[in-house]
Amino acid sequence: MSSTPPSTSHTAPARRVHRLPLAGLLALGAPADIWYKRAYSVVVAAGLPNITLLLLGRIDLAMFTMAGSLCALYCHNLPYAARARTLAGVCAGMVGGFALALVVAALTDSPYVLIAVGALMAAVQKGVCDAVRIGPPGQLILTFISSATLFTPSTLGQVPGRVALAAGGAVLAWAVCMAPALVRRHGPERIAVSRALRATAAYVAKVREAGAEHAGGPRGQAAGATHAAWQSLLATGTRTPVRRDLEHLLVHAEAALARPDESDPALLRDWADRTTGAGPVPRPADAAGTADELAGVAVERAYRARSGGALLRGFRPGSPLLPIMLRSAVGCALAGYVSYALGVGRPYWAIVTAASIFQANITLTWSRGVQRVFGNLVGVALFVAIAPLSHLNQAALVLCCLAFNFGAEALIGRNYWLGTVCVTPMALLITEFGHFQNTGELALDRVVDTLVGAAVGILAAVLVTNRRATSLIGDALAATARAQAEADAALAAPDADPVTLEGRRRRLTGALVELRNAVDAASGEWWQRALPQQEVLLAEQAAHRTLAATVRRQGLPVPKGAST
């Protein structure tokens, strides 16, 4: 079965300072598997209003419709039932922040007040997006829109019309993102399950090649992908036959994680390929043997319904998000004030740069800062090169902006810096919807604000440390120990209910994923107590043994036979 869960005491007084990495920060990876969904969605959602305004001779209003159109970048990983709700919240947040920024801009022109409001809004947007785990592009687009709007001259009389334009763009973005549901109802959950199968196949292949002791990284990735796939399925609506088939595949993926030596990675990869496509979902020949495990889905749905309130938990005292929000508020405010002191006419660019680099820990913040600076500098050079073409007429300006929108989503999955090579000229072109501006002045302002925002943002991350990061590992260890104890108790019962056993197995799987996330976040934070690495290792090993025991007890079939 498993050993007794390890103690969670970790009070070692040693403190650590990490070396900030440089190697590999600009290396390119594989493109994101659904990059084209975001790219085409934002082009359609932004292109239709822009072209309409161009034909009407009011392209100067495009910057307001763009506020809503950029919502099309969100929620493409969610099943459509959950996407409808979540994207509606994103649109409401975008339009609400836009309206607030317009009102503040109409009431004051003090740069000190505008920067302070922009920094506070950036911190709240960061906290909300992290609390609900909204996914990419996170708070960045919200902060870009609200910060830019704060420094756009406005009157109270103009507010209703401009908000209406943004709301119209947001409604169109929602419709564009929901449109694929008409032709491929199960697309997002099929992709999530395919990712889990592919990651599990990589883990199984690694175990066969080098042994389980050298497959820790692939195992964590496979467990995370499988957990995410379950969350995707649990967020869907009615359990259709297709979704039940996907659940069968995930049960087999979990069995392969527990018994990799007996599993066939080629079969897992074949299932992944067929699941991604538009054809029938592959159905394992022994799928009938997983009925008890799938009954646990109902238990998990009920558990999720009782354990909501992620947003409120993110803002409660002691939340690990509070130091990150404080970093955002301090860093964005300082960046804006330094930029203004240097005489830059657009301090909101420094605010956005600082907001864009804040990640889960200092090491990741440093990495994102380096990538942001490099990508922005290359992007400014690209803007200078393309400016003569975009200045030919307003139609050329609109087409260039849409092309960079598409390019940003096509490239950002390879590496963040590569995406910002397109984001930078796109943002600069948006400022010219009202009128063409001096290219050299615009480029110089952007370079200064990029350097100021990145430098001040990293400094704020160093000064405002997240001292809760290490203690969160203790919380995660305790949660893992509780989940393991519940699973062990179910295993010890000779007449254990299969549904209860499955629910506790999945709960333990989720606890392990959260433990690994907590360790990863704390590992890159400065000035922390020494991490309880040995306790984490023992907890993970014990939990893995329990999971393997539940798989054997349940008789879950591993993927090694033919499928139908």
Protein backbone atom coordinates (compact mmCIF):
# COMPACT_ATOMS: atom_id res chain seq x y z
CA MET A 1 0.00 0.00 0.00
CA SER A 2 2.01 3.01 1.16
CA SER A 3 4.14 4.23 3.97
CA THR A 4 2.99 6.66 6.61
CA PRO A 5 2.84 10.19 5.21
CA PRO A 6 5.89 12.23 6.14
CA SER A 7 5.87 14.97 8.68
CA THR A 8 5.24 18.47 7.37
CA SER A 9 7.58 20.34 9.68
CA HIS A 10 10.05 22.46 7.76
CA THR A 11 11.45 25.18 9.96
CA ALA A 12 15.04 25.24 8.73
CA PRO A 13 16.33 28.77 9.24
CA ALA A 14 18.62 28.84 6.22
CA ARG A 15 17.85 31.46 3.61
CA ARG A 16 18.63 31.23 -0.07
CA VAL A 17 19.37 33.68 -2.86
CA HIS A 18 19.11 32.27 -6.37
CA ARG A 19 21.35 33.16 -9.26
CA LEU A 20 19.30 34.75 -12.00
CA PRO A 21 19.61 32.75 -15.22
CA LEU A 22 20.51 33.96 -18.70
CA ALA A 23 21.12 30.74 -20.58
CA GLY A 24 18.19 29.54 -22.61
CA LEU A 25 15.95 32.57 -22.04
CA LEU A 26 15.67 33.27 -25.78
CA ALA A 27 15.52 29.65 -26.94
CA LEU A 28 12.56 28.79 -29.15
CA GLY A 29 10.15 26.01 -28.34
CA ALA A 30 7.39 24.28 -30.24
CA PRO A 31 4.36 26.40 -31.17
CA ALA A 32 1.28 26.15 -28.98
CA ASP A 33 -1.16 23.58 -30.31
CA ILE A 34 -4.10 25.99 -30.52
CA TRP A 35 -2.28 29.21 -31.43
CA TYR A 36 -4.36 29.57 -34.59
CA LYS A 37 -7.60 29.75 -32.59
CA ARG A 38 -6.49 32.89 -30.79
CA ALA A 39 -4.90 34.33 -33.94
CA TYR A 40 -7.93 33.96 -36.19
CA SER A 41 -10.36 34.96 -33.45
CA VAL A 42 -8.68 38.24 -32.65
CA VAL A 43 -8.23 39.09 -36.34
CA VAL A 44 -11.94 38.57 -37.00
CA ALA A 45 -13.09 40.28 -33.79
CA ALA A 46 -10.85 43.31 -34.38
CA GLY A 47 -11.00 43.33 -38.17
CA LEU A 48 -14.77 43.62 -38.59
CA PRO A 49 -15.15 46.80 -36.46
CA ASN A 50 -11.94 48.31 -37.83
CA ILE A 51 -12.91 47.83 -41.45
CA THR A 52 -16.43 49.11 -40.74
CA LEU A 53 -15.05 52.25 -39.09
CA LEU A 54 -12.59 52.66 -41.96
CA LEU A 55 -15.44 52.64 -44.48
CA LEU A 56 -17.34 55.14 -42.36
CA GLY A 57 -14.31 57.43 -42.16
CA ARG A 58 -14.09 57.13 -38.36
CA ILE A 59 -11.03 54.97 -37.86
CA ASP A 60 -10.16 57.27 -34.95
CA LEU A 61 -12.77 55.33 -32.94
CA ALA A 62 -11.04 52.00 -33.54
CA MET A 63 -8.98 52.27 -30.36
CA PHE A 64 -12.24 52.08 -28.40
CA THR A 65 -13.69 49.06 -30.20
CA MET A 66 -10.29 47.36 -29.84
CA ALA A 67 -10.77 47.46 -26.06
CA GLY A 68 -13.56 44.94 -26.42
CA SER A 69 -12.20 43.09 -29.47
CA LEU A 70 -9.07 41.96 -27.61
CA CYS A 71 -11.28 39.82 -25.33
CA ALA A 72 -11.15 37.33 -28.21
CA LEU A 73 -7.70 36.28 -26.97
CA TYR A 74 -9.13 34.59 -23.87
CA CYS A 75 -10.65 31.25 -22.84
CA HIS A 76 -9.84 29.15 -25.92
CA ASN A 77 -8.77 26.26 -23.70
CA LEU A 78 -12.15 26.03 -21.95
CA PRO A 79 -15.10 23.83 -22.98
CA TYR A 80 -17.86 25.90 -24.51
CA ALA A 81 -20.24 25.74 -21.53
CA ALA A 82 -17.54 27.10 -19.23
CA ARG A 83 -16.19 29.41 -21.94
CA ALA A 84 -19.53 31.17 -22.29
CA ARG A 85 -19.58 32.07 -18.59
CA THR A 86 -15.89 32.83 -18.15
CA LEU A 87 -15.51 34.88 -21.31
CA ALA A 88 -18.57 36.90 -20.36
CA GLY A 89 -16.77 37.70 -17.09
CA VAL A 90 -13.64 38.72 -19.00
CA CYS A 91 -15.69 41.00 -21.26
CA ALA A 92 -17.43 42.56 -18.26
CA GLY A 93 -14.09 43.10 -16.54
CA MET A 94 -12.57 44.61 -19.66
CA VAL A 95 -15.45 47.01 -20.30
CA GLY A 96 -15.74 47.86 -16.59
CA GLY A 97 -12.05 48.70 -16.32
CA PHE A 98 -12.25 50.69 -19.55
CA ALA A 99 -15.23 52.69 -18.24
CA LEU A 100 -13.52 53.39 -14.92
CA ALA A 101 -10.38 54.60 -16.70
CA LEU A 102 -12.44 56.88 -18.94
CA VAL A 103 -14.19 58.45 -15.95
CA VAL A 104 -10.92 59.01 -14.09
CA ALA A 105 -9.34 60.51 -17.22
CA ALA A 106 -12.31 62.85 -17.56
CA LEU A 107 -12.12 63.97 -13.93
CA THR A 108 -8.39 64.68 -13.71
CA ASP A 109 -5.37 65.24 -15.90
CA SER A 110 -2.86 64.92 -13.06
CA PRO A 111 -0.25 62.38 -14.15
CA TYR A 112 0.45 61.52 -10.51
CA VAL A 113 -3.18 60.52 -9.92
CA LEU A 114 -3.44 58.71 -13.26
CA ILE A 115 -0.29 56.67 -12.58
CA ALA A 116 -1.49 55.76 -9.08
CA VAL A 117 -4.88 54.65 -10.39
CA GLY A 118 -3.24 52.72 -13.21
CA ALA A 119 -0.95 50.89 -10.78
CA LEU A 120 -3.83 49.97 -8.45
CA MET A 121 -5.92 48.73 -11.35
CA ALA A 122 -3.00 46.65 -12.61
CA ALA A 123 -2.58 45.05 -9.18
CA VAL A 124 -6.28 44.18 -8.87
CA GLN A 125 -6.37 42.81 -12.42
CA LYS A 126 -3.33 40.67 -11.64
CA GLY A 127 -4.91 39.33 -8.47
CA VAL A 128 -8.26 38.52 -10.07
CA CYS A 129 -6.75 36.79 -13.11
CA ASP A 130 -4.38 34.72 -10.97
CA ALA A 131 -7.09 33.82 -8.46
CA VAL A 132 -9.46 32.44 -11.09
CA ARG A 133 -6.58 31.07 -13.21
CA ILE A 134 -7.89 32.71 -16.32
CA GLY A 135 -4.94 31.54 -18.40
CA PRO A 136 -3.02 33.41 -21.10
CA PRO A 137 -2.79 36.29 -21.79
CA GLY A 138 -3.71 36.87 -18.15
CA GLN A 139 -4.09 40.41 -16.88
CA LEU A 140 -1.79 41.93 -19.51
CA ILE A 141 -4.45 42.91 -22.06
CA LEU A 142 -6.73 44.28 -19.35
CA THR A 143 -3.90 46.39 -17.95
CA PHE A 144 -2.84 47.58 -21.40
CA ILE A 145 -6.35 48.82 -22.19
CA SER A 146 -7.07 50.46 -18.83
CA SER A 147 -3.63 52.12 -18.56
CA ALA A 148 -3.73 53.48 -22.11
CA THR A 149 -7.29 54.76 -21.56
CA LEU A 150 -6.25 56.67 -18.44
CA PHE A 151 -3.93 58.78 -20.58
CA THR A 152 -6.43 59.31 -23.41
CA PRO A 153 -8.05 62.77 -23.23
CA SER A 154 -11.72 62.35 -22.43
CA THR A 155 -14.78 64.20 -21.15
CA LEU A 156 -17.68 62.83 -19.15
CA GLY A 157 -19.97 63.40 -22.11
CA GLN A 158 -17.84 61.10 -24.27
CA VAL A 159 -17.84 58.25 -21.77
CA PRO A 160 -21.19 56.58 -22.69
CA GLY A 161 -20.43 56.47 -26.41
CA ARG A 162 -16.93 55.12 -25.96
CA VAL A 163 -18.10 52.51 -23.48
CA ALA A 164 -20.78 51.46 -25.97
CA LEU A 165 -18.11 50.99 -28.66
CA ALA A 166 -16.00 48.85 -26.31
CA ALA A 167 -19.05 46.83 -25.26
CA GLY A 168 -19.93 46.22 -28.89
CA GLY A 169 -16.43 44.97 -29.57
CA ALA A 170 -16.63 42.70 -26.53
CA VAL A 171 -19.97 41.21 -27.60
CA LEU A 172 -18.52 40.49 -31.04
CA ALA A 173 -15.42 38.91 -29.47
CA TRP A 174 -17.64 36.66 -27.32
CA ALA A 175 -19.62 35.59 -30.38
CA VAL A 176 -16.47 34.87 -32.39
CA CYS A 177 -14.99 32.72 -29.60
CA MET A 178 -18.23 30.79 -29.18
CA ALA A 179 -18.89 30.29 -32.90
CA PRO A 180 -16.84 27.04 -33.26
CA ALA A 181 -19.30 25.34 -30.90
CA LEU A 182 -21.75 25.26 -33.80
CA VAL A 183 -19.53 22.87 -35.77
CA ARG A 184 -17.29 21.16 -33.18
CA ARG A 185 -19.12 20.96 -29.89
CA HIS A 186 -16.51 18.89 -28.06
CA GLY A 187 -13.37 20.45 -29.51
CA PRO A 188 -11.74 21.95 -26.36
CA GLU A 189 -12.15 18.85 -24.19
CA ARG A 190 -10.91 16.61 -27.00
CA ILE A 191 -7.75 18.72 -27.25
CA ALA A 192 -7.25 18.61 -23.46
CA VAL A 193 -7.55 14.81 -23.39
CA SER A 194 -5.24 14.52 -26.38
CA ARG A 195 -2.60 16.57 -24.51
CA ALA A 196 -2.92 14.27 -21.50
CA LEU A 197 -2.53 11.14 -23.62
CA ARG A 198 0.49 12.56 -25.44
CA ALA A 199 2.18 13.64 -22.18
CA THR A 200 1.49 10.22 -20.63
CA ALA A 201 2.97 8.51 -23.69
CA ALA A 202 6.13 10.61 -23.29
CA TYR A 203 6.37 9.57 -19.63
CA VAL A 204 5.87 5.89 -20.39
CA ALA A 205 8.50 6.05 -23.15
CA LYS A 206 10.94 7.80 -20.79
CA VAL A 207 10.45 5.12 -18.11
CA ARG A 208 11.11 2.37 -20.63
CA GLU A 209 14.19 4.16 -21.91
CA ALA A 210 15.85 5.38 -18.72
CA GLY A 211 13.87 4.04 -15.76
CA ALA A 212 11.36 5.66 -13.44
CA GLU A 213 14.07 7.42 -11.41
CA HIS A 214 14.95 9.56 -14.45
CA ALA A 215 11.37 10.36 -15.47
CA GLY A 216 10.36 12.79 -12.73
CA GLY A 217 9.92 15.75 -15.08
CA PRO A 218 7.83 13.91 -17.69
CA ARG A 219 5.75 12.33 -14.91
CA GLY A 220 4.92 15.72 -13.43
CA GLN A 221 4.00 17.06 -16.87
CA ALA A 222 1.80 14.04 -17.59
CA ALA A 223 0.09 14.27 -14.18
CA GLY A 224 -0.53 17.99 -14.69
CA ALA A 225 -1.93 17.46 -18.20
CA THR A 226 -4.18 14.64 -16.99
CA HIS A 227 -5.42 16.74 -14.07
CA ALA A 228 -6.11 19.65 -16.45
CA ALA A 229 -8.02 17.33 -18.80
CA TRP A 230 -10.22 16.15 -15.93
CA GLN A 231 -10.88 19.77 -14.96
CA SER A 232 -11.86 20.46 -18.57
CA LEU A 233 -14.30 17.55 -18.65
CA LEU A 234 -15.73 18.45 -15.24
CA ALA A 235 -16.41 21.98 -16.49
CA THR A 236 -18.53 20.79 -19.42
CA GLY A 237 -22.28 20.57 -19.53
CA THR A 238 -24.20 17.35 -20.17
CA ARG A 239 -22.15 14.13 -20.16
CA THR A 240 -22.63 13.22 -23.80
CA PRO A 241 -21.45 9.88 -25.29
CA VAL A 242 -18.37 11.63 -26.68
CA ARG A 243 -17.45 12.99 -23.26
CA ARG A 244 -17.91 9.57 -21.69
CA ASP A 245 -15.51 8.13 -24.27
CA LEU A 246 -13.02 10.88 -23.38
CA GLU A 247 -13.39 9.97 -19.70
CA HIS A 248 -12.59 6.34 -20.56
CA LEU A 249 -9.38 7.47 -22.26
CA LEU A 250 -8.36 9.54 -19.23
CA VAL A 251 -8.91 6.58 -16.92
CA HIS A 252 -6.53 4.59 -19.13
CA ALA A 253 -4.01 7.48 -19.05
CA GLU A 254 -4.11 7.48 -15.25
CA ALA A 255 -3.59 3.72 -15.20
CA ALA A 256 -0.58 4.14 -17.49
CA LEU A 257 0.85 6.75 -15.11
CA ALA A 258 0.62 4.26 -12.25
CA ARG A 259 1.90 1.25 -14.23
CA PRO A 260 4.15 2.61 -17.00
CA ASP A 261 6.11 -0.64 -17.38
CA GLU A 262 2.96 -2.39 -18.56
CA SER A 263 1.71 0.33 -20.91
CA ASP A 264 2.20 0.92 -24.61
CA PRO A 265 3.27 4.50 -25.51
CA ALA A 266 2.55 3.92 -29.20
CA LEU A 267 -1.09 3.13 -28.41
CA LEU A 268 -1.37 6.24 -26.24
CA ARG A 269 0.03 8.39 -29.06
CA ASP A 270 -2.38 6.80 -31.53
CA TRP A 271 -5.30 7.61 -29.24
CA ALA A 272 -4.00 11.18 -28.89
CA ASP A 273 -3.84 11.68 -32.66
CA ARG A 274 -7.33 10.29 -33.19
CA THR A 275 -8.79 12.28 -30.30
CA THR A 276 -7.49 15.59 -31.68
CA GLY A 277 -9.11 14.99 -35.07
CA ALA A 278 -12.74 15.35 -36.06
CA GLY A 279 -13.46 11.63 -36.32
CA PRO A 280 -14.93 9.33 -33.66
CA VAL A 281 -13.18 9.29 -30.29
CA PRO A 282 -11.23 6.02 -29.93
CA ARG A 283 -12.90 3.61 -27.54
CA PRO A 284 -10.60 1.16 -25.75
CA ALA A 285 -11.64 -2.46 -26.16
CA ASP A 286 -11.85 -2.88 -22.37
CA ALA A 287 -13.74 0.37 -21.72
CA ALA A 288 -16.58 -1.50 -20.08
CA GLY A 289 -14.26 -2.25 -17.17
CA THR A 290 -14.01 1.40 -16.18
CA ALA A 291 -17.65 1.97 -15.23
CA ASP A 292 -16.93 2.28 -11.49
CA GLU A 293 -14.14 4.76 -12.13
CA LEU A 294 -16.37 6.93 -14.29
CA ALA A 295 -19.02 6.90 -11.59
CA GLY A 296 -16.50 8.87 -9.56
CA VAL A 297 -16.95 11.78 -11.96
CA ALA A 298 -20.32 12.51 -10.36
CA VAL A 299 -18.63 12.57 -6.94
CA GLU A 300 -15.99 14.98 -8.23
CA ARG A 301 -18.61 17.26 -9.81
CA ALA A 302 -20.38 17.52 -6.46
CA TYR A 303 -17.08 18.24 -4.71
CA ARG A 304 -16.26 21.03 -7.17
CA ALA A 305 -19.69 22.56 -6.63
CA ARG A 306 -19.04 22.72 -2.86
CA SER A 307 -15.48 24.05 -3.11
CA GLY A 308 -15.94 27.24 -5.15
CA GLY A 309 -14.97 30.77 -4.16
CA ALA A 310 -11.47 30.85 -5.67
CA LEU A 311 -11.72 34.61 -6.17
CA LEU A 312 -12.59 35.30 -2.53
CA ARG A 313 -9.83 32.94 -1.31
CA GLY A 314 -7.31 34.81 -3.45
CA PHE A 315 -7.98 38.06 -1.60
CA ARG A 316 -8.26 36.74 1.95
CA PRO A 317 -5.56 37.62 4.56
CA GLY A 318 -2.50 35.43 4.15
CA SER A 319 -3.25 34.64 0.51
CA PRO A 320 -0.08 34.03 -1.56
CA LEU A 321 -1.53 36.37 -4.19
CA LEU A 322 -1.32 39.41 -1.93
CA PRO A 323 2.49 39.80 -2.16
CA ILE A 324 2.25 39.41 -5.94
CA MET A 325 -0.42 42.13 -6.05
CA LEU A 326 1.71 44.36 -3.85
CA ARG A 327 4.63 43.85 -6.21
CA SER A 328 2.42 44.85 -9.12
CA ALA A 329 1.12 47.98 -7.40
CA VAL A 330 4.58 49.14 -6.23
CA GLY A 331 6.39 48.20 -9.43
CA CYS A 332 3.83 49.74 -11.78
CA ALA A 333 3.59 52.96 -9.77
CA LEU A 334 7.37 53.40 -9.55
CA ALA A 335 7.78 52.62 -13.25
CA GLY A 336 5.17 55.20 -14.18
CA TYR A 337 6.64 57.91 -11.96
CA VAL A 338 10.21 57.30 -13.14
CA SER A 339 9.04 57.41 -16.76
CA TYR A 340 7.19 60.67 -16.15
CA ALA A 341 10.22 62.15 -14.36
CA LEU A 342 12.31 61.34 -17.44
CA GLY A 343 9.92 63.38 -19.57
CA VAL A 344 8.35 60.51 -21.48
CA GLY A 345 4.92 61.49 -22.75
CA ARG A 346 3.36 58.05 -22.35
CA PRO A 347 4.17 56.71 -18.86
CA TYR A 348 1.44 54.06 -19.24
CA TRP A 349 3.85 52.07 -21.41
CA ALA A 350 6.18 51.76 -18.43
CA ILE A 351 3.21 50.66 -16.29
CA VAL A 352 2.28 47.97 -18.81
CA THR A 353 5.87 46.78 -19.11
CA ALA A 354 6.21 46.42 -15.34
CA ALA A 355 2.84 44.65 -15.11
CA SER A 356 3.75 42.24 -17.89
CA ILE A 357 6.84 40.81 -16.23
CA PHE A 358 5.43 39.91 -12.78
CA GLN A 359 5.29 36.14 -12.51
CA ALA A 360 4.91 33.58 -9.71
CA ASN A 361 8.42 34.21 -8.34
CA ILE A 362 11.49 36.42 -8.78
CA THR A 363 13.35 34.02 -11.06
CA LEU A 364 10.45 33.81 -13.49
CA THR A 365 9.97 37.59 -13.26
CA TRP A 366 13.62 38.11 -14.19
CA SER A 367 13.30 35.74 -17.14
CA ARG A 368 10.17 37.46 -18.40
CA GLY A 369 11.82 40.87 -17.99
CA VAL A 370 14.80 39.88 -20.15
CA GLN A 371 12.50 38.42 -22.78
CA ARG A 372 10.30 41.52 -22.72
CA VAL A 373 13.19 43.92 -23.19
CA PHE A 374 14.77 41.96 -26.02
CA GLY A 375 11.47 41.45 -27.84
CA ASN A 376 10.42 45.07 -27.45
CA LEU A 377 13.69 46.41 -28.79
CA VAL A 378 13.44 44.20 -31.85
CA GLY A 379 9.77 45.16 -32.16
CA VAL A 380 10.58 48.86 -32.09
CA ALA A 381 13.09 48.34 -34.90
CA LEU A 382 10.41 46.48 -36.87
CA PHE A 383 7.96 49.33 -36.27
CA VAL A 384 10.45 51.87 -37.60
CA ALA A 385 10.96 49.71 -40.69
CA ILE A 386 7.22 49.22 -41.32
CA ALA A 387 6.14 52.80 -40.52
CA PRO A 388 6.51 54.11 -44.11
CA LEU A 389 4.13 51.40 -45.31
CA SER A 390 1.59 51.87 -42.51
CA HIS A 391 1.61 55.65 -43.10
CA LEU A 392 0.56 55.31 -46.74
CA ASN A 393 -3.09 55.55 -45.73
CA GLN A 394 -5.50 54.45 -43.02
CA ALA A 395 -6.30 51.18 -44.80
CA ALA A 396 -2.61 50.23 -44.72
CA LEU A 397 -2.52 51.12 -41.03
CA VAL A 398 -5.47 48.81 -40.27
CA LEU A 399 -4.04 45.92 -42.30
CA CYS A 400 -0.61 46.22 -40.65
CA CYS A 401 -2.21 46.23 -37.20
CA LEU A 402 -4.24 43.10 -37.99
CA ALA A 403 -1.19 41.35 -39.42
CA PHE A 404 0.77 42.00 -36.23
CA ASN A 405 -2.21 40.77 -34.19
CA PHE A 406 -2.05 37.50 -36.05
CA GLY A 407 1.74 37.28 -35.87
CA ALA A 408 1.81 37.84 -32.12
CA GLU A 409 -0.44 34.85 -31.45
CA ALA A 410 1.40 32.71 -33.99
CA LEU A 411 4.78 33.35 -32.38
CA ILE A 412 4.28 33.95 -28.66
CA GLY A 413 3.95 30.24 -27.92
CA ARG A 414 7.49 29.68 -29.25
CA ASN A 415 8.92 32.16 -26.76
CA TYR A 416 7.48 35.25 -25.10
CA TRP A 417 10.11 37.54 -26.62
CA LEU A 418 9.26 36.42 -30.14
CA GLY A 419 5.60 37.27 -29.62
CA THR A 420 6.44 40.74 -28.31
CA VAL A 421 8.30 41.42 -31.54
CA CYS A 422 4.81 41.66 -33.07
CA VAL A 423 2.99 42.99 -30.01
CA THR A 424 5.22 46.09 -29.84
CA PRO A 425 4.58 47.46 -33.35
CA MET A 426 0.89 46.54 -32.99
CA ALA A 427 0.60 48.62 -29.81
CA LEU A 428 2.44 51.51 -31.46
CA LEU A 429 0.17 51.38 -34.51
CA ILE A 430 -2.95 51.48 -32.32
CA THR A 431 -1.82 54.86 -30.97
CA GLU A 432 -1.89 56.17 -34.56
CA PHE A 433 -5.55 55.43 -35.23
CA GLY A 434 -6.33 59.02 -34.25
CA HIS A 435 -3.54 60.54 -36.38
CA PHE A 436 -0.11 59.61 -37.67
CA GLN A 437 2.73 60.52 -35.31
CA ASN A 438 6.45 61.13 -35.49
CA THR A 439 8.02 57.68 -35.85
CA GLY A 440 11.32 58.50 -34.18
CA GLU A 441 9.71 60.12 -31.15
CA LEU A 442 7.26 57.25 -30.75
CA ALA A 443 10.05 54.67 -30.99
CA LEU A 444 12.31 56.48 -28.52
CA ASP A 445 9.51 56.80 -25.96
CA ARG A 446 8.78 53.09 -26.24
CA VAL A 447 12.43 52.12 -25.76
CA VAL A 448 12.80 54.30 -22.67
CA ASP A 449 9.56 53.05 -21.14
CA THR A 450 10.50 49.44 -21.83
CA LEU A 451 13.85 49.79 -20.07
CA VAL A 452 12.35 51.73 -17.16
CA GLY A 453 9.40 49.39 -16.74
CA ALA A 454 11.51 46.22 -16.81
CA ALA A 455 14.22 47.55 -14.49
CA VAL A 456 11.80 48.97 -11.92
CA GLY A 457 9.57 45.90 -12.12
CA ILE A 458 12.45 43.53 -11.37
CA LEU A 459 13.60 45.81 -8.54
CA ALA A 460 10.09 45.74 -7.04
CA ALA A 461 10.05 41.94 -7.26
CA VAL A 462 13.33 41.81 -5.33
CA LEU A 463 12.20 44.27 -2.67
CA VAL A 464 8.67 42.87 -2.19
CA THR A 465 9.35 39.21 -1.47
CA ASN A 466 6.70 36.53 -1.15
CA ARG A 467 7.55 35.09 2.26
CA ARG A 468 4.42 32.95 2.14
CA ALA A 469 5.86 30.88 -0.70
CA THR A 470 7.68 28.34 1.48
CA SER A 471 4.87 27.99 4.02
CA LEU A 472 2.51 27.20 1.15
CA ILE A 473 4.52 24.05 0.56
CA GLY A 474 3.70 23.02 4.12
CA ASP A 475 0.00 23.60 3.40
CA ALA A 476 0.27 21.55 0.23
CA LEU A 477 2.13 18.78 2.05
CA ALA A 478 -0.59 18.66 4.68
CA ALA A 479 -3.32 18.54 2.02
CA THR A 480 -1.46 15.73 0.24
CA ALA A 481 -1.09 13.82 3.52
CA ARG A 482 -4.82 14.15 4.21
CA ALA A 483 -5.75 13.01 0.71
CA GLN A 484 -3.37 10.08 0.99
CA ALA A 485 -4.74 9.07 4.39
CA GLU A 486 -8.28 9.07 2.99
CA ALA A 487 -7.17 6.94 0.03
CA ASP A 488 -5.28 4.56 2.32
CA ALA A 489 -8.34 4.18 4.54
CA ALA A 490 -10.47 3.30 1.53
CA LEU A 491 -7.85 0.79 0.40
CA ALA A 492 -7.77 -0.82 3.84
CA ALA A 493 -11.51 -1.45 3.83
CA PRO A 494 -12.20 -4.92 2.39
CA ASP A 495 -15.57 -3.82 1.01
CA ALA A 496 -14.54 -0.34 -0.18
CA ASP A 497 -17.08 1.37 -2.43
CA PRO A 498 -15.46 1.67 -5.90
CA VAL A 499 -16.98 5.11 -6.44
CA THR A 500 -15.61 6.39 -3.13
CA LEU A 501 -12.20 4.88 -3.89
CA GLU A 502 -12.13 6.58 -7.28
CA GLY A 503 -13.10 9.94 -5.81
CA ARG A 504 -10.30 9.71 -3.24
CA ARG A 505 -7.80 8.62 -5.88
CA ARG A 506 -8.59 11.61 -8.04
CA ARG A 507 -8.47 13.90 -4.99
CA LEU A 508 -4.97 12.63 -4.22
CA THR A 509 -3.92 13.18 -7.83
CA GLY A 510 -5.08 16.78 -7.63
CA ALA A 511 -3.27 17.32 -4.32
CA LEU A 512 -0.02 16.08 -5.89
CA VAL A 513 -0.39 18.52 -8.77
CA GLU A 514 -0.96 21.41 -6.35
CA LEU A 515 2.06 20.31 -4.28
CA ARG A 516 4.30 20.36 -7.33
CA ASN A 517 2.96 23.80 -8.33
CA ALA A 518 3.70 25.15 -4.84
CA VAL A 519 7.25 23.77 -4.95
CA ASP A 520 7.87 25.21 -8.41
CA ALA A 521 6.61 28.64 -7.33
CA ALA A 522 8.72 28.71 -4.16
CA SER A 523 11.84 27.38 -5.86
CA GLY A 524 12.40 30.62 -7.73
CA GLU A 525 11.68 32.98 -4.82
CA TRP A 526 14.42 34.84 -2.95
CA TRP A 527 14.99 35.08 0.78
CA GLN A 528 13.09 31.96 1.70
CA ARG A 529 13.69 29.28 4.26
CA ALA A 530 15.35 26.21 2.80
CA LEU A 531 12.73 24.23 0.93
CA PRO A 532 11.69 20.89 2.45
CA GLN A 533 12.88 19.00 -0.61
CA GLN A 534 13.32 15.69 1.22
CA GLU A 535 9.83 15.86 2.70
CA VAL A 536 8.36 16.71 -0.68
CA LEU A 537 10.19 13.78 -2.28
CA LEU A 538 8.99 11.35 0.40
CA ALA A 539 5.42 12.67 0.16
CA GLU A 540 5.38 12.29 -3.61
CA GLN A 541 6.84 8.78 -3.45
CA ALA A 542 4.32 7.68 -0.82
CA ALA A 543 1.42 9.20 -2.76
CA HIS A 544 2.55 7.52 -5.96
CA ARG A 545 2.60 4.17 -4.19
CA THR A 546 -0.92 4.78 -2.92
CA LEU A 547 -2.09 5.74 -6.41
CA ALA A 548 -0.53 2.60 -7.86
CA ALA A 549 -2.26 0.53 -5.17
CA THR A 550 -5.65 2.08 -5.96
CA VAL A 551 -5.16 1.39 -9.66
CA ARG A 552 -4.42 -2.28 -8.93
CA ARG A 553 -7.30 -2.52 -6.45
CA GLN A 554 -9.71 -1.05 -8.98
CA GLY A 555 -8.36 -3.25 -11.74
CA LEU A 556 -7.93 -0.33 -14.13
CA PRO A 557 -6.82 -1.56 -17.57
CA VAL A 558 -3.52 -0.19 -18.85
CA PRO A 559 -3.29 0.80 -22.54
CA LYS A 560 -1.65 -2.24 -24.11
CA GLY A 561 -4.33 -3.83 -26.27
CA ALA A 562 -6.13 -3.07 -29.49
CA SER A 563 -8.76 -0.36 -29.62
CA THR A 564 -12.00 -0.17 -31.54
